[in-house]
C-alpha atoms as a PDB file:
ATOM      1  CA  MET A   1     -49.390  -2.677  61.133  1.00  0.00           C
ATOM      2  CA  ALA A   2     -48.170   0.873  61.390  1.00  0.00           C
ATOM      3  CA  ASN A   3     -44.578  -0.317  61.385  1.00  0.00           C
ATOM      4  CA  TYR A   4     -45.232  -2.318  58.247  1.00  0.00           C
ATOM      5  CA  ASP A   5     -46.827   0.662  56.479  1.00  0.00           C
ATOM      6  CA  GLU A   6     -43.980   2.937  57.554  1.00  0.00           C
ATOM      7  CA  LEU A   7     -41.410   0.412  56.398  1.00  0.00           C
ATOM      8  CA  ARG A   8     -43.232   0.029  53.126  1.00  0.00           C
ATOM      9  CA  LYS A   9     -43.415   3.823  52.645  1.00  0.00           C
ATOM     10  CA  LYS A  10     -39.679   4.184  53.424  1.00  0.00           C
ATOM     11  CA  ALA A  11     -38.838   1.400  50.986  1.00  0.00           C
ATOM     12  CA  LYS A  12     -41.007   3.010  48.310  1.00  0.00           C
ATOM     13  CA  ASP A  13     -39.405   6.402  48.941  1.00  0.00           C
ATOM     14  CA  ALA A  14     -35.934   4.820  48.783  1.00  0.00           C
ATOM     15  CA  PHE A  15     -36.785   3.104  45.494  1.00  0.00           C
ATOM     16  CA  ASP A  16     -38.281   6.326  44.096  1.00  0.00           C
ATOM     17  CA  THR A  17     -35.156   8.230  45.127  1.00  0.00           C
ATOM     18  CA  LEU A  18     -32.963   5.526  43.589  1.00  0.00           C
ATOM     19  CA  ALA A  19     -35.030   5.645  40.399  1.00  0.00           C
ATOM     20  CA  ASP A  20     -34.765   9.434  40.262  1.00  0.00           C
ATOM     21  CA  VAL A  21     -30.980   9.258  40.807  1.00  0.00           C
ATOM     22  CA  SER A  22     -30.701   6.558  38.130  1.00  0.00           C
ATOM     23  CA  VAL A  23     -32.692   8.639  35.668  1.00  0.00           C
ATOM     24  CA  GLU A  24     -30.547  11.693  36.409  1.00  0.00           C
ATOM     25  CA  ALA A  25     -27.347   9.624  36.062  1.00  0.00           C
ATOM     26  CA  TYR A  26     -28.630   8.240  32.765  1.00  0.00           C
ATOM     27  CA  LYS A  27     -29.471  11.729  31.495  1.00  0.00           C
ATOM     28  CA  LEU A  28     -26.051  13.011  32.587  1.00  0.00           C
ATOM     29  CA  ALA A  29     -24.278  10.076  30.910  1.00  0.00           C
ATOM     30  CA  GLU A  30     -26.357  10.568  27.786  1.00  0.00           C
ATOM     31  CA  GLU A  31     -25.451  14.261  27.656  1.00  0.00           C
ATOM     32  CA  LYS A  32     -21.743  13.493  28.185  1.00  0.00           C
ATOM     33  CA  ALA A  33     -21.829  10.846  25.439  1.00  0.00           C
ATOM     34  CA  ARG A  34     -23.538  13.306  23.087  1.00  0.00           C
ATOM     35  CA  ILE A  35     -20.897  15.952  23.853  1.00  0.00           C
ATOM     36  CA  LEU A  36     -18.031  13.458  23.409  1.00  0.00           C
ATOM     37  CA  ALA A  37     -19.488  12.275  20.100  1.00  0.00           C
ATOM     38  CA  LYS A  38     -19.808  15.866  18.895  1.00  0.00           C
ATOM     39  CA  LYS A  39     -16.207  16.621  19.988  1.00  0.00           C
ATOM     40  CA  ALA A  40     -14.968  13.523  18.148  1.00  0.00           C
ATOM     41  CA  LYS A  41     -16.867  14.545  15.020  1.00  0.00           C
ATOM     42  CA  LEU A  42     -15.474  18.097  15.195  1.00  0.00           C
ATOM     43  CA  ASN A  43     -11.912  16.808  15.772  1.00  0.00           C
ATOM     44  CA  ALA A  44     -12.259  14.457  12.794  1.00  0.00           C
ATOM     45  CA  GLY A  45     -13.493  17.378  10.674  1.00  0.00           C
ATOM     46  CA  ILE A  46     -10.537  19.503  11.773  1.00  0.00           C
ATOM     47  CA  ALA A  47      -8.110  16.662  10.967  1.00  0.00           C
ATOM     48  CA  ASN A  48      -9.685  16.257   7.512  1.00  0.00           C
ATOM     49  CA  GLU A  49      -9.376  19.981   6.828  1.00  0.00           C
ATOM     50  CA  ARG A  50      -5.729  19.966   7.925  1.00  0.00           C
ATOM     51  CA  ALA A  51      -5.042  17.010   5.627  1.00  0.00           C
ATOM     52  CA  THR A  52      -6.695  18.933   2.781  1.00  0.00           C
ATOM     53  CA  ILE A  53      -4.514  21.961   3.527  1.00  0.00           C
ATOM     54  CA  ARG A  54      -1.346  19.817   3.558  1.00  0.00           C
ATOM     55  CA  ARG A  55      -2.319  18.217   0.244  1.00  0.00           C
ATOM     56  CA  LEU A  56      -3.049  21.631  -1.290  1.00  0.00           C
ATOM     57  CA  HIS A  57       0.244  23.042   0.011  1.00  0.00           C
ATOM     58  CA  VAL A  58       2.067  20.185  -1.690  1.00  0.00           C
ATOM     59  CA  GLU A  59       0.146  20.787  -4.923  1.00  0.00           C
ATOM     60  CA  ILE A  60       0.882  24.538  -4.759  1.00  0.00           C
ATOM     61  CA  GLY A  61       4.554  23.830  -4.118  1.00  0.00           C
ATOM     62  CA  ASP A  62       4.729  21.363  -7.007  1.00  0.00           C
ATOM     63  CA  LYS A  63       3.031  23.784  -9.378  1.00  0.00           C
ATOM     64  CA  TYR A  64       5.199  26.694  -8.254  1.00  0.00           C
ATOM     65  CA  PHE A  65       8.348  24.625  -8.698  1.00  0.00           C
ATOM     66  CA  LYS A  66       7.323  23.477 -12.176  1.00  0.00           C
ATOM     67  CA  LEU A  67       6.424  27.013 -13.238  1.00  0.00           C
ATOM     68  CA  HIS A  68       9.285  28.903 -11.582  1.00  0.00           C
ATOM     69  CA  LYS A  69      12.146  26.468 -11.011  1.00  0.00           C
ATOM     70  CA  ASP A  70      14.471  28.490 -13.229  1.00  0.00           C
ATOM     71  CA  ASN A  71      13.374  31.959 -12.095  1.00  0.00           C
ATOM     72  CA  SER A  72      11.975  31.525  -8.593  1.00  0.00           C
ATOM     73  CA  HIS A  73      11.308  34.301  -6.117  1.00  0.00           C
ATOM     74  CA  ALA A  74      14.386  35.240  -4.050  1.00  0.00           C
ATOM     75  CA  GLU A  75      12.823  33.927  -0.840  1.00  0.00           C
ATOM     76  CA  LEU A  76      12.216  30.509  -2.418  1.00  0.00           C
ATOM     77  CA  ARG A  77      15.286  30.241  -4.621  1.00  0.00           C
ATOM     78  CA  GLN A  78      17.270  28.050  -2.191  1.00  0.00           C
ATOM     79  CA  GLN A  79      14.377  25.624  -1.695  1.00  0.00           C
ATOM     80  CA  CYS A  80      13.871  25.375  -5.455  1.00  0.00           C
ATOM     81  CA  GLU A  81      17.569  24.697  -5.955  1.00  0.00           C
ATOM     82  CA  ASP A  82      17.437  22.040  -3.228  1.00  0.00           C
ATOM     83  CA  VAL A  83      14.456  20.377  -4.895  1.00  0.00           C
ATOM     84  CA  ALA A  84      16.202  20.421  -8.285  1.00  0.00           C
ATOM     85  CA  ALA A  85      19.322  18.904  -6.719  1.00  0.00           C
ATOM     86  CA  SER A  86      17.212  16.176  -5.117  1.00  0.00           C
ATOM     87  CA  TYR A  87      15.634  15.394  -8.492  1.00  0.00           C
ATOM     88  CA  GLU A  88      19.131  15.111  -9.990  1.00  0.00           C
ATOM     89  CA  ARG A  89      20.276  12.767  -7.188  1.00  0.00           C
ATOM     90  CA  ILE A  90      17.155  10.643  -7.688  1.00  0.00           C
ATOM     91  CA  ALA A  91      17.829  10.402 -11.430  1.00  0.00           C
ATOM     92  CA  ALA A  92      21.446   9.383 -10.796  1.00  0.00           C
ATOM     93  CA  LYS A  93      20.375   6.708  -8.333  1.00  0.00           C
ATOM     94  CA  GLN A  94      17.739   5.423 -10.760  1.00  0.00           C
ATOM     95  CA  ARG A  95      20.389   5.143 -13.485  1.00  0.00           C
ATOM     96  CA  GLU A  96      22.630   3.260 -11.052  1.00  0.00           C
ATOM     97  CA  LEU A  97      19.740   0.932 -10.198  1.00  0.00           C
ATOM     98  CA  GLU A  98      19.164   0.221 -13.881  1.00  0.00           C
ATOM     99  CA  GLU A  99      22.872  -0.584 -14.296  1.00  0.00           C
ATOM    100  CA  LEU A 100      22.706  -2.961 -11.338  1.00  0.00           C
ATOM    101  CA  LYS A 101      19.587  -4.598 -12.727  1.00  0.00           C
ATOM    102  CA  SER A 102      21.320  -5.208 -16.049  1.00  0.00           C
ATOM    103  CA  GLN A 103      24.394  -6.565 -14.236  1.00  0.00           C
ATOM    104  CA  VAL A 104      22.234  -8.917 -12.189  1.00  0.00           C
ATOM    105  CA  ALA A 105      20.504 -10.121 -15.364  1.00  0.00           C
ATOM    106  CA  TYR A 106      23.883 -10.554 -17.067  1.00  0.00           C
ATOM    107  CA  ASP A 107      25.340 -12.287 -14.004  1.00  0.00           C
ATOM    108  CA  ALA A 108      22.362 -14.646 -13.828  1.00  0.00           C
ATOM    109  CA  GLU A 109      22.727 -15.575 -17.499  1.00  0.00           C
ATOM    110  CA  ASN A 110      26.502 -15.857 -17.120  1.00  0.00           C
ATOM    111  CA  ALA A 111      26.192 -18.008 -13.987  1.00  0.00           C
ATOM    112  CA  GLU A 112      23.869 -20.425 -15.775  1.00  0.00           C
ATOM    113  CA  PHE A 113      26.302 -20.635 -18.707  1.00  0.00           C
ATOM    114  CA  GLU A 114      29.274 -21.204 -16.352  1.00  0.00           C
ATOM    115  CA  LYS A 115      27.339 -23.875 -14.458  1.00  0.00           C
ATOM    116  CA  GLU A 116      26.559 -25.721 -17.679  1.00  0.00           C
ATOM    117  CA  ALA A 117      30.165 -25.362 -18.837  1.00  0.00           C
ATOM    118  CA  SER A 118      31.611 -26.729 -15.582  1.00  0.00           C
ATOM    119  CA  GLU A 119      29.237 -29.695 -15.684  1.00  0.00           C
ATOM    120  CA  GLU A 120      30.358 -30.439 -19.251  1.00  0.00           C
ATOM    121  CA  GLU A 121      34.048 -30.218 -18.268  1.00  0.00           C
ATOM    122  CA  PHE A 122      33.487 -32.620 -15.388  1.00  0.00           C
ATOM    123  CA  THR A 123      31.769 -35.224 -17.540  1.00  0.00           C
ATOM    124  CA  GLU A 124      34.328 -34.860 -20.326  1.00  0.00           C
ATOM    125  CA  SER A 125      37.347 -35.511 -18.102  1.00  0.00           C
ATOM    126  CA  CYS A 126      36.571 -37.481 -15.026  1.00  0.00           C
ATOM    127  CA  CYS A 127      40.216 -38.282 -14.322  1.00  0.00           C
ATOM    128  CA  SER A 128      43.713 -37.730 -15.650  1.00  0.00           C
ATOM    129  CA  GLN A 129      44.134 -41.385 -16.629  1.00  0.00           C
ATOM    130  CA  CYS A 130      41.551 -41.347 -19.374  1.00  0.00           C
ATOM    131  CA  ASP A 131      42.575 -37.993 -20.866  1.00  0.00           C
ATOM    132  CA  GLY A 132      39.079 -36.617 -21.110  1.00  0.00           C
ATOM    133  CA  ALA A 133      37.538 -39.679 -22.689  1.00  0.00           C
ATOM    134  CA  ASP A 134      34.311 -40.927 -21.278  1.00  0.00           C
ATOM    135  CA  CYS A 135      35.013 -43.791 -18.999  1.00  0.00           C
ATOM    136  CA  SER A 136      33.005 -45.813 -16.605  1.00  0.00           C
ATOM    137  CA  GLU A 137      35.931 -47.425 -14.788  1.00  0.00           C
ATOM    138  CA  ASP A 138      36.818 -46.625 -11.225  1.00  0.00           C
ATOM    139  CA  HIS A 139      40.408 -45.290 -11.246  1.00  0.00           C
ATOM    140  CA  ASP A 140      42.653 -44.696  -8.299  1.00  0.00           C
ATOM    141  CA  THR A 141      43.151 -40.961  -8.067  1.00  0.00           C
ATOM    142  CA  LYS A 142      46.382 -40.483  -6.186  1.00  0.00           C
END
């Protein structure tokens, strides 16, 4: 019976050790997960702040340009001139787009008119033998 009691005690000790190791592993994993979650939250906060800064920089730049585009500070004069030139190129391209839109609308209307006209011409003169008169006869077209 001594062997059985010893075996039982060793098994119990092994299970206790395994339980202790499992609890420690769980606590370690829990701590790592908590740290990773906190790092992710801090990184997200940093990214949000950087996005806010970028948005504010754009707003500051827009306001500065609107207020000082004609008399900008010497260090920013070239950038202001470049922005103004870009606005001019955009306006020119928008005018060109409008012209193309009106041409497309005109071409669409014109194409429909030409289609109707060509259909009328075909029905009016189906062959050279009837001189444009409506006919239902089948002529040899040589």
